[in-house]
PDB file of N, CA and C in Angstrom:
ATOM      1  N   UNK A   1    -202.127  -6.119   9.970  1.00  0.00           N
ATOM      2  CA  UNK A   1    -202.768  -7.379  10.909  1.00  0.00           C
ATOM      3  C   UNK A   1    -201.370  -8.389  10.885  1.00  0.00           C
ATOM      4  N   UNK A   2    -200.865  -8.868   9.235  1.00  0.00           N
ATOM      5  CA  UNK A   2    -199.675  -9.601   9.244  1.00  0.00           C
ATOM      6  C   UNK A   2    -198.335  -9.594  10.830  1.00  0.00           C
ATOM      7  N   UNK A   3    -198.162  -8.372  11.373  1.00  0.00           N
ATOM      8  CA  UNK A   3    -197.043  -8.094  11.459  1.00  0.00           C
ATOM      9  C   UNK A   3    -197.409  -8.375  13.101  1.00  0.00           C
ATOM     10  N   UNK A   4    -198.756  -7.662  13.296  1.00  0.00           N
ATOM     11  CA  UNK A   4    -199.291  -8.097  14.931  1.00  0.00           C
ATOM     12  C   UNK A   4    -199.203  -9.995  14.973  1.00  0.00           C
ATOM     13  N   UNK A   5    -200.014 -10.379  14.074  1.00  0.00           N
ATOM     14  CA  UNK A   5    -199.732 -12.068  14.186  1.00  0.00           C
ATOM     15  C   UNK A   5    -198.288 -12.515  14.356  1.00  0.00           C
ATOM     16  N   UNK A   6    -197.278 -11.624  13.497  1.00  0.00           N
ATOM     17  CA  UNK A   6    -196.013 -12.628  13.323  1.00  0.00           C
ATOM     18  C   UNK A   6    -195.207 -12.070  14.785  1.00  0.00           C
ATOM     19  N   UNK A   7    -196.126 -10.702  15.054  1.00  0.00           N
ATOM     20  CA  UNK A   7    -194.509 -10.273  16.898  1.00  0.00           C
ATOM     21  C   UNK A   7    -195.911 -11.460  17.739  1.00  0.00           C
ATOM     22  N   UNK A   8    -196.878 -11.251  17.962  1.00  0.00           N
ATOM     23  CA  UNK A   8    -197.777 -12.604  18.714  1.00  0.00           C
ATOM     24  C   UNK A   8    -197.228 -13.995  18.635  1.00  0.00           C
ATOM     25  N   UNK A   9    -196.925 -14.512  17.318  1.00  0.00           N
ATOM     26  CA  UNK A   9    -196.234 -15.853  17.044  1.00  0.00           C
ATOM     27  C   UNK A   9    -195.006 -15.722  17.898  1.00  0.00           C
ATOM     28  N   UNK A  10    -194.010 -14.967  18.118  1.00  0.00           N
ATOM     29  CA  UNK A  10    -192.508 -14.646  18.631  1.00  0.00           C
ATOM     30  C   UNK A  10    -193.133 -14.482  19.682  1.00  0.00           C
ATOM     31  N   UNK A  11    -193.598 -14.139  20.551  1.00  0.00           N
ATOM     32  CA  UNK A  11    -193.533 -14.116  21.554  1.00  0.00           C
ATOM     33  C   UNK A  11    -194.352 -14.922  22.191  1.00  0.00           C
ATOM     34  N   UNK A  12    -195.268 -15.799  21.555  1.00  0.00           N
ATOM     35  CA  UNK A  12    -195.529 -16.811  21.957  1.00  0.00           C
ATOM     36  C   UNK A  12    -194.448 -18.056  22.099  1.00  0.00           C
ATOM     37  N   UNK A  13    -193.572 -18.405  20.607  1.00  0.00           N
ATOM     38  CA  UNK A  13    -192.242 -19.049  20.677  1.00  0.00           C
ATOM     39  C   UNK A  13    -191.375 -18.669  21.844  1.00  0.00           C
ATOM     40  N   UNK A  14    -191.296 -16.961  21.939  1.00  0.00           N
ATOM     41  CA  UNK A  14    -189.982 -16.493  23.453  1.00  0.00           C
ATOM     42  C   UNK A  14    -190.478 -17.579  24.661  1.00  0.00           C
ATOM     43  N   UNK A  15    -192.137 -17.678  25.163  1.00  0.00           N
ATOM     44  CA  UNK A  15    -192.263 -17.735  26.483  1.00  0.00           C
ATOM     45  C   UNK A  15    -192.186 -19.446  26.041  1.00  0.00           C
ATOM     46  N   UNK A  16    -192.493 -20.010  25.803  1.00  0.00           N
ATOM     47  CA  UNK A  16    -192.678 -21.390  25.241  1.00  0.00           C
ATOM     48  C   UNK A  16    -191.132 -22.176  24.844  1.00  0.00           C
ATOM     49  N   UNK A  17    -190.163 -21.378  24.543  1.00  0.00           N
ATOM     50  CA  UNK A  17    -188.679 -21.563  24.551  1.00  0.00           C
ATOM     51  C   UNK A  17    -188.094 -21.053  26.169  1.00  0.00           C
ATOM     52  N   UNK A  18    -188.426 -20.164  26.710  1.00  0.00           N
ATOM     53  CA  UNK A  18    -187.961 -20.131  27.731  1.00  0.00           C
ATOM     54  C   UNK A  18    -188.358 -20.793  29.050  1.00  0.00           C
ATOM     55  N   UNK A  19    -188.637 -21.825  28.382  1.00  0.00           N
ATOM     56  CA  UNK A  19    -188.811 -22.973  30.068  1.00  0.00           C
ATOM     57  C   UNK A  19    -188.145 -23.925  29.699  1.00  0.00           C
ATOM     58  N   UNK A  20    -187.174 -24.441  30.102  1.00  0.00           N
ATOM     59  CA  UNK A  20    -186.087 -25.323  30.467  1.00  0.00           C
ATOM     60  C   UNK A  20    -185.030 -25.108  29.418  1.00  0.00           C
ATOM     61  N   UNK A  21    -184.258 -23.745  29.133  1.00  0.00           N
ATOM     62  CA  UNK A  21    -183.897 -24.151  27.863  1.00  0.00           C
ATOM     63  C   UNK A  21    -182.594 -22.713  28.356  1.00  0.00           C
ATOM     64  N   UNK A  22    -181.680 -23.472  28.003  1.00  0.00           N
ATOM     65  CA  UNK A  22    -180.098 -22.862  28.352  1.00  0.00           C
ATOM     66  C   UNK A  22    -180.443 -21.164  27.876  1.00  0.00           C
ATOM     67  N   UNK A  23    -179.522 -20.358  28.804  1.00  0.00           N
ATOM     68  CA  UNK A  23    -179.673 -18.884  28.535  1.00  0.00           C
ATOM     69  C   UNK A  23    -178.767 -18.538  26.648  1.00  0.00           C
ATOM     70  N   UNK A  24    -177.916 -19.719  26.184  1.00  0.00           N
ATOM     71  CA  UNK A  24    -176.874 -19.911  25.011  1.00  0.00           C
ATOM     72  C   UNK A  24    -178.599 -20.648  24.021  1.00  0.00           C
ATOM     73  N   UNK A  25    -179.072 -21.551  24.292  1.00  0.00           N
ATOM     74  CA  UNK A  25    -180.580 -22.275  23.354  1.00  0.00           C
ATOM     75  C   UNK A  25    -181.900 -20.830  23.579  1.00  0.00           C
ATOM     76  N   UNK A  26    -180.981 -20.140  24.401  1.00  0.00           N
ATOM     77  CA  UNK A  26    -182.448 -19.049  24.233  1.00  0.00           C
ATOM     78  C   UNK A  26    -182.058 -17.650  23.078  1.00  0.00           C
ATOM     79  N   UNK A  27    -180.981 -17.493  23.630  1.00  0.00           N
ATOM     80  CA  UNK A  27    -179.842 -16.653  22.370  1.00  0.00           C
ATOM     81  C   UNK A  27    -180.050 -17.108  20.983  1.00  0.00           C
ATOM     82  N   UNK A  28    -179.915 -18.891  20.788  1.00  0.00           N
ATOM     83  CA  UNK A  28    -180.430 -19.118  19.197  1.00  0.00           C
ATOM     84  C   UNK A  28    -181.387 -19.071  18.826  1.00  0.00           C
ATOM     85  N   UNK A  29    -182.191 -19.204  19.828  1.00  0.00           N
ATOM     86  CA  UNK A  29    -183.695 -19.407  19.675  1.00  0.00           C
ATOM     87  C   UNK A  29    -183.804 -17.987  18.906  1.00  0.00           C
ATOM     88  N   UNK A  30    -183.374 -16.747  19.957  1.00  0.00           N
ATOM     89  CA  UNK A  30    -183.946 -15.040  19.402  1.00  0.00           C
ATOM     90  C   UNK A  30    -183.457 -15.041  17.859  1.00  0.00           C
ATOM     91  N   UNK A  31    -182.161 -15.660  18.117  1.00  0.00           N
ATOM     92  CA  UNK A  31    -181.937 -15.375  16.687  1.00  0.00           C
ATOM     93  C   UNK A  31    -182.963 -15.563  15.471  1.00  0.00           C
ATOM     94  N   UNK A  32    -183.027 -17.182  15.834  1.00  0.00           N
ATOM     95  CA  UNK A  32    -183.770 -17.517  14.645  1.00  0.00           C
ATOM     96  C   UNK A  32    -184.756 -17.245  14.423  1.00  0.00           C
ATOM     97  N   UNK A  33    -185.578 -16.749  15.465  1.00  0.00           N
ATOM     98  CA  UNK A  33    -186.851 -15.689  15.313  1.00  0.00           C
ATOM     99  C   UNK A  33    -186.942 -14.465  14.613  1.00  0.00           C
ATOM    100  N   UNK A  34    -185.883 -14.123  15.264  1.00  0.00           N
ATOM    101  CA  UNK A  34    -185.328 -12.637  14.868  1.00  0.00           C
ATOM    102  C   UNK A  34    -185.123 -12.378  13.071  1.00  0.00           C
ATOM    103  N   UNK A  35    -184.290 -13.733  12.603  1.00  0.00           N
ATOM    104  CA  UNK A  35    -183.798 -13.505  11.356  1.00  0.00           C
ATOM    105  C   UNK A  35    -185.262 -13.948  10.706  1.00  0.00           C
ATOM    106  N   UNK A  36    -186.230 -15.144  10.874  1.00  0.00           N
ATOM    107  CA  UNK A  36    -187.582 -15.209  10.016  1.00  0.00           C
ATOM    108  C   UNK A  36    -187.911 -14.311  10.041  1.00  0.00           C
ATOM    109  N   UNK A  37    -187.951 -13.829  11.029  1.00  0.00           N
ATOM    110  CA  UNK A  37    -189.570 -12.226  10.725  1.00  0.00           C
ATOM    111  C   UNK A  37    -189.025 -11.235   9.896  1.00  0.00           C
ATOM    112  N   UNK A  38    -187.364 -11.169   9.640  1.00  0.00           N
ATOM    113  CA  UNK A  38    -186.801 -10.380   8.522  1.00  0.00           C
ATOM    114  C   UNK A  38    -186.963 -10.871   7.428  1.00  0.00           C
ATOM    115  N   UNK A  39    -186.485 -12.159   7.203  1.00  0.00           N
ATOM    116  CA  UNK A  39    -187.276 -12.687   5.858  1.00  0.00           C
ATOM    117  C   UNK A  39    -188.363 -12.137   5.336  1.00  0.00           C
ATOM    118  N   UNK A  40    -189.124 -12.603   6.481  1.00  0.00           N
ATOM    119  CA  UNK A  40    -190.661 -12.506   6.330  1.00  0.00           C
ATOM    120  C   UNK A  40    -190.920 -10.965   5.499  1.00  0.00           C
ATOM    121  N   UNK A  41    -190.818 -10.729   6.402  1.00  0.00           N
ATOM    122  CA  UNK A  41    -190.872  -8.499   5.441  1.00  0.00           C
ATOM    123  C   UNK A  41    -189.732  -9.081   4.132  1.00  0.00           C
ATOM    124  N   UNK A  42    -188.953  -9.641   3.864  1.00  0.00           N
ATOM    125  CA  UNK A  42    -188.519  -9.405   2.647  1.00  0.00           C
ATOM    126  C   UNK A  42    -189.465 -10.070   1.617  1.00  0.00           C
ATOM    127  N   UNK A  43    -189.409 -10.936   1.870  1.00  0.00           N
ATOM    128  CA  UNK A  43    -190.958 -11.833   1.177  1.00  0.00           C
ATOM    129  C   UNK A  43    -191.836 -11.038   1.132  1.00  0.00           C
ATOM    130  N   UNK A  44    -192.989 -10.350   2.023  1.00  0.00           N
ATOM    131  CA  UNK A  44    -193.551  -9.428   1.659  1.00  0.00           C
ATOM    132  C   UNK A  44    -193.559  -8.628   0.783  1.00  0.00           C
ATOM    133  N   UNK A  45    -192.189  -7.852   1.074  1.00  0.00           N
ATOM    134  CA  UNK A  45    -191.539  -6.843  -0.115  1.00  0.00           C
ATOM    135  C   UNK A  45    -191.464  -7.501  -1.672  1.00  0.00           C
ATOM    136  N   UNK A  46    -190.963  -8.172  -1.570  1.00  0.00           N
ATOM    137  CA  UNK A  46    -190.974  -9.066  -2.938  1.00  0.00           C
ATOM    138  C   UNK A  46    -192.486  -9.455  -3.529  1.00  0.00           C
ATOM    139  N   UNK A  47    -193.242  -9.890  -2.752  1.00  0.00           N
ATOM    140  CA  UNK A  47    -194.629  -9.931  -2.929  1.00  0.00           C
ATOM    141  C   UNK A  47    -195.453  -9.051  -3.962  1.00  0.00           C
ATOM    142  N   UNK A  48    -194.905  -7.124  -3.205  1.00  0.00           N
ATOM    143  CA  UNK A  48    -194.830  -6.188  -4.119  1.00  0.00           C
ATOM    144  C   UNK A  48    -194.528  -5.763  -5.093  1.00  0.00           C
ATOM    145  N   UNK A  49    -193.132  -6.342  -5.073  1.00  0.00           N
ATOM    146  CA  UNK A  49    -192.195  -5.896  -6.051  1.00  0.00           C
ATOM    147  C   UNK A  49    -193.114  -5.583  -7.622  1.00  0.00           C
ATOM    148  N   UNK A  50    -192.410  -4.839  -8.575  1.00  0.00           N
ATOM    149  CA  UNK A  50    -193.383  -4.590  -9.714  1.00  0.00           C
ATOM    150  C   UNK A  50    -192.904  -5.320 -10.946  1.00  0.00           C
ATOM    151  N   UNK A  51    -191.206  -5.623 -10.227  1.00  0.00           N
ATOM    152  CA  UNK A  51    -190.565  -6.551 -11.698  1.00  0.00           C
ATOM    153  C   UNK A  51    -190.535  -8.126 -11.234  1.00  0.00           C
ATOM    154  N   UNK A  52    -190.103  -8.618 -12.271  1.00  0.00           N
ATOM    155  CA  UNK A  52    -189.611  -9.969 -11.814  1.00  0.00           C
ATOM    156  C   UNK A  52    -188.634 -10.030 -11.278  1.00  0.00           C
ATOM    157  N   UNK A  53    -187.488  -9.498 -12.276  1.00  0.00           N
ATOM    158  CA  UNK A  53    -186.668  -9.516 -11.744  1.00  0.00           C
ATOM    159  C   UNK A  53    -186.521  -8.529  -9.768  1.00  0.00           C
ATOM    160  N   UNK A  54    -186.793  -8.181  -9.827  1.00  0.00           N
ATOM    161  CA  UNK A  54    -186.918  -7.374  -8.322  1.00  0.00           C
ATOM    162  C   UNK A  54    -187.119  -8.046  -7.552  1.00  0.00           C
ATOM    163  N   UNK A  55    -188.717  -9.121  -7.612  1.00  0.00           N
ATOM    164  CA  UNK A  55    -189.298 -10.207  -6.984  1.00  0.00           C
ATOM    165  C   UNK A  55    -187.930 -10.943  -6.799  1.00  0.00           C
ATOM    166  N   UNK A  56    -186.835 -11.587  -7.496  1.00  0.00           N
ATOM    167  CA  UNK A  56    -186.014 -12.712  -7.739  1.00  0.00           C
ATOM    168  C   UNK A  56    -185.849 -12.273  -6.576  1.00  0.00           C
ATOM    169  N   UNK A  57    -184.996 -11.011  -6.799  1.00  0.00           N
ATOM    170  CA  UNK A  57    -183.618 -10.614  -6.189  1.00  0.00           C
ATOM    171  C   UNK A  57    -183.830 -10.822  -4.167  1.00  0.00           C
ATOM    172  N   UNK A  58    -185.079 -10.027  -4.528  1.00  0.00           N
ATOM    173  CA  UNK A  58    -185.814  -9.895  -2.738  1.00  0.00           C
ATOM    174  C   UNK A  58    -185.835 -11.460  -2.273  1.00  0.00           C
ATOM    175  N   UNK A  59    -186.578 -12.331  -3.266  1.00  0.00           N
ATOM    176  CA  UNK A  59    -186.512 -13.747  -2.379  1.00  0.00           C
ATOM    177  C   UNK A  59    -185.242 -14.139  -2.387  1.00  0.00           C
ATOM    178  N   UNK A  60    -183.962 -13.755  -3.647  1.00  0.00           N
ATOM    179  CA  UNK A  60    -182.591 -14.454  -2.794  1.00  0.00           C
ATOM    180  C   UNK A  60    -181.862 -13.851  -1.471  1.00  0.00           C
ATOM    181  N   UNK A  61    -183.016 -12.285  -1.504  1.00  0.00           N
ATOM    182  CA  UNK A  61    -182.726 -11.617  -0.353  1.00  0.00           C
ATOM    183  C   UNK A  61    -182.442 -12.059   0.838  1.00  0.00           C
ATOM    184  N   UNK A  62    -184.695 -12.855   0.970  1.00  0.00           N
ATOM    185  CA  UNK A  62    -185.097 -14.044   1.803  1.00  0.00           C
ATOM    186  C   UNK A  62    -184.127 -14.669   2.287  1.00  0.00           C
ATOM    187  N   UNK A  63    -184.243 -15.294   1.031  1.00  0.00           N
ATOM    188  CA  UNK A  63    -183.411 -17.174   1.415  1.00  0.00           C
ATOM    189  C   UNK A  63    -181.468 -16.825   2.413  1.00  0.00           C
ATOM    190  N   UNK A  64    -181.114 -16.090   1.711  1.00  0.00           N
ATOM    191  CA  UNK A  64    -179.775 -15.494   2.329  1.00  0.00           C
ATOM    192  C   UNK A  64    -180.390 -15.529   3.867  1.00  0.00           C
ATOM    193  N   UNK A  65    -181.229 -13.983   4.358  1.00  0.00           N
ATOM    194  CA  UNK A  65    -181.003 -13.478   5.866  1.00  0.00           C
ATOM    195  C   UNK A  65    -181.816 -15.407   6.690  1.00  0.00           C
ATOM    196  N   UNK A  66    -182.608 -15.764   5.784  1.00  0.00           N
ATOM    197  CA  UNK A  66    -182.704 -16.995   6.248  1.00  0.00           C
ATOM    198  C   UNK A  66    -181.432 -17.989   6.498  1.00  0.00           C
ATOM    199  N   UNK A  67    -181.189 -18.143   5.831  1.00  0.00           N
ATOM    200  CA  UNK A  67    -179.258 -19.248   5.680  1.00  0.00           C
ATOM    201  C   UNK A  67    -178.686 -18.656   7.029  1.00  0.00           C
ATOM    202  N   UNK A  68    -178.190 -17.152   6.694  1.00  0.00           N
ATOM    203  CA  UNK A  68    -177.596 -16.387   7.847  1.00  0.00           C
ATOM    204  C   UNK A  68    -177.890 -16.578   9.571  1.00  0.00           C
ATOM    205  N   UNK A  69    -179.243 -16.087   9.361  1.00  0.00           N
ATOM    206  CA  UNK A  69    -179.865 -16.670  10.761  1.00  0.00           C
ATOM    207  C   UNK A  69    -179.625 -18.040  11.252  1.00  0.00           C
ATOM    208  N   UNK A  70    -179.735 -18.930  10.163  1.00  0.00           N
ATOM    209  CA  UNK A  70    -179.848 -20.598  10.679  1.00  0.00           C
ATOM    210  C   UNK A  70    -178.194 -20.682  11.274  1.00  0.00           C
ATOM    211  N   UNK A  71    -177.171 -20.112  10.393  1.00  0.00           N
ATOM    212  CA  UNK A  71    -175.685 -20.658  10.426  1.00  0.00           C
ATOM    213  C   UNK A  71    -175.542 -19.935  12.085  1.00  0.00           C
ATOM    214  N   UNK A  72    -176.273 -18.844  12.622  1.00  0.00           N
ATOM    215  CA  UNK A  72    -175.615 -17.967  13.989  1.00  0.00           C
ATOM    216  C   UNK A  72    -175.964 -18.487  14.843  1.00  0.00           C
ATOM    217  N   UNK A  73    -177.659 -19.397  14.543  1.00  0.00           N
ATOM    218  CA  UNK A  73    -178.154 -19.447  15.734  1.00  0.00           C
ATOM    219  C   UNK A  73    -177.312 -21.407  16.312  1.00  0.00           C
ATOM    220  N   UNK A  74    -177.054 -21.779  14.738  1.00  0.00           N
ATOM    221  CA  UNK A  74    -176.133 -23.499  15.301  1.00  0.00           C
ATOM    222  C   UNK A  74    -175.176 -23.335  15.385  1.00  0.00           C
ATOM    223  N   UNK A  75    -173.909 -21.679  15.383  1.00  0.00           N
ATOM    224  CA  UNK A  75    -172.921 -21.571  15.422  1.00  0.00           C
ATOM    225  C   UNK A  75    -172.958 -21.171  17.772  1.00  0.00           C
ATOM    226  N   UNK A  76    -174.092 -20.451  17.944  1.00  0.00           N
ATOM    227  CA  UNK A  76    -174.046 -20.014  18.884  1.00  0.00           C
ATOM    228  C   UNK A  76    -175.116 -21.468  19.959  1.00  0.00           C
ATOM    229  N   UNK A  77    -175.724 -22.389  19.813  1.00  0.00           N
ATOM    230  CA  UNK A  77    -175.726 -24.175  19.995  1.00  0.00           C
ATOM    231  C   UNK A  77    -174.686 -24.306  20.728  1.00  0.00           C
ATOM    232  N   UNK A  78    -173.289 -24.361  19.274  1.00  0.00           N
ATOM    233  CA  UNK A  78    -172.202 -25.158  19.413  1.00  0.00           C
ATOM    234  C   UNK A  78    -170.906 -25.041  20.100  1.00  0.00           C
ATOM    235  N   UNK A  79    -171.248 -23.461  20.287  1.00  0.00           N
ATOM    236  CA  UNK A  79    -170.170 -22.882  20.613  1.00  0.00           C
ATOM    237  C   UNK A  79    -169.001 -23.400  20.244  1.00  0.00           C
ATOM    238  N   UNK A  80    -168.525 -23.345  19.234  1.00  0.00           N
ATOM    239  CA  UNK A  80    -167.544 -24.183  18.567  1.00  0.00           C
ATOM    240  C   UNK A  80    -166.582 -22.988  17.991  1.00  0.00           C
ATOM    241  N   UNK A  81    -165.159 -22.741  18.702  1.00  0.00           N
ATOM    242  CA  UNK A  81    -164.506 -21.779  18.399  1.00  0.00           C
ATOM    243  C   UNK A  81    -163.380 -22.133  17.278  1.00  0.00           C
ATOM    244  N   UNK A  82    -163.305 -23.211  16.317  1.00  0.00           N
ATOM    245  CA  UNK A  82    -163.116 -23.301  15.397  1.00  0.00           C
ATOM    246  C   UNK A  82    -163.825 -22.289  14.232  1.00  0.00           C
ATOM    247  N   UNK A  83    -165.835 -22.394  14.314  1.00  0.00           N
ATOM    248  CA  UNK A  83    -166.233 -22.630  13.735  1.00  0.00           C
ATOM    249  C   UNK A  83    -167.875 -20.859  14.298  1.00  0.00           C
ATOM    250  N   UNK A  84    -166.844 -20.253  15.468  1.00  0.00           N
ATOM    251  CA  UNK A  84    -167.105 -18.981  15.669  1.00  0.00           C
ATOM    252  C   UNK A  84    -167.750 -18.107  14.593  1.00  0.00           C
ATOM    253  N   UNK A  85    -169.575 -17.757  14.205  1.00  0.00           N
ATOM    254  CA  UNK A  85    -169.486 -16.809  13.279  1.00  0.00           C
ATOM    255  C   UNK A  85    -168.673 -14.767  13.674  1.00  0.00           C
ATOM    256  N   UNK A  86    -169.366 -14.744  13.519  1.00  0.00           N
ATOM    257  CA  UNK A  86    -169.251 -13.199  14.367  1.00  0.00           C
ATOM    258  C   UNK A  86    -170.275 -12.406  15.918  1.00  0.00           C
ATOM    259  N   UNK A  87    -170.352 -13.258  16.638  1.00  0.00           N
ATOM    260  CA  UNK A  87    -170.987 -13.197  17.706  1.00  0.00           C
ATOM    261  C   UNK A  87    -170.327 -13.072  19.222  1.00  0.00           C
ATOM    262  N   UNK A  88    -168.996 -13.224  18.497  1.00  0.00           N
ATOM    263  CA  UNK A  88    -168.014 -12.639  19.987  1.00  0.00           C
ATOM    264  C   UNK A  88    -167.821 -13.482  21.334  1.00  0.00           C
ATOM    265  N   UNK A  89    -168.155 -15.180  20.711  1.00  0.00           N
ATOM    266  CA  UNK A  89    -167.882 -16.058  21.399  1.00  0.00           C
ATOM    267  C   UNK A  89    -166.450 -15.988  21.438  1.00  0.00           C
TER     268      UNK A  89
END
């Protein structure tokens, strides 16, 4: 059920983001929403971890996924050649 709600929210955000946005902004929003969904799934796995160390490791991984997604989205928005990650621009 949680996955369905997440997908519904992502679809709603995507449709709202499409209004009066540039293709670059839409791509950045998609990057953010996709990495947020992945991070949420990792956090769900952390909630089911059997050890504290396993849970902390998964929480750290979720934080890293969010940070990477935010960096890539910011990079997509700015299109600064000096700060490009691996998005092919």
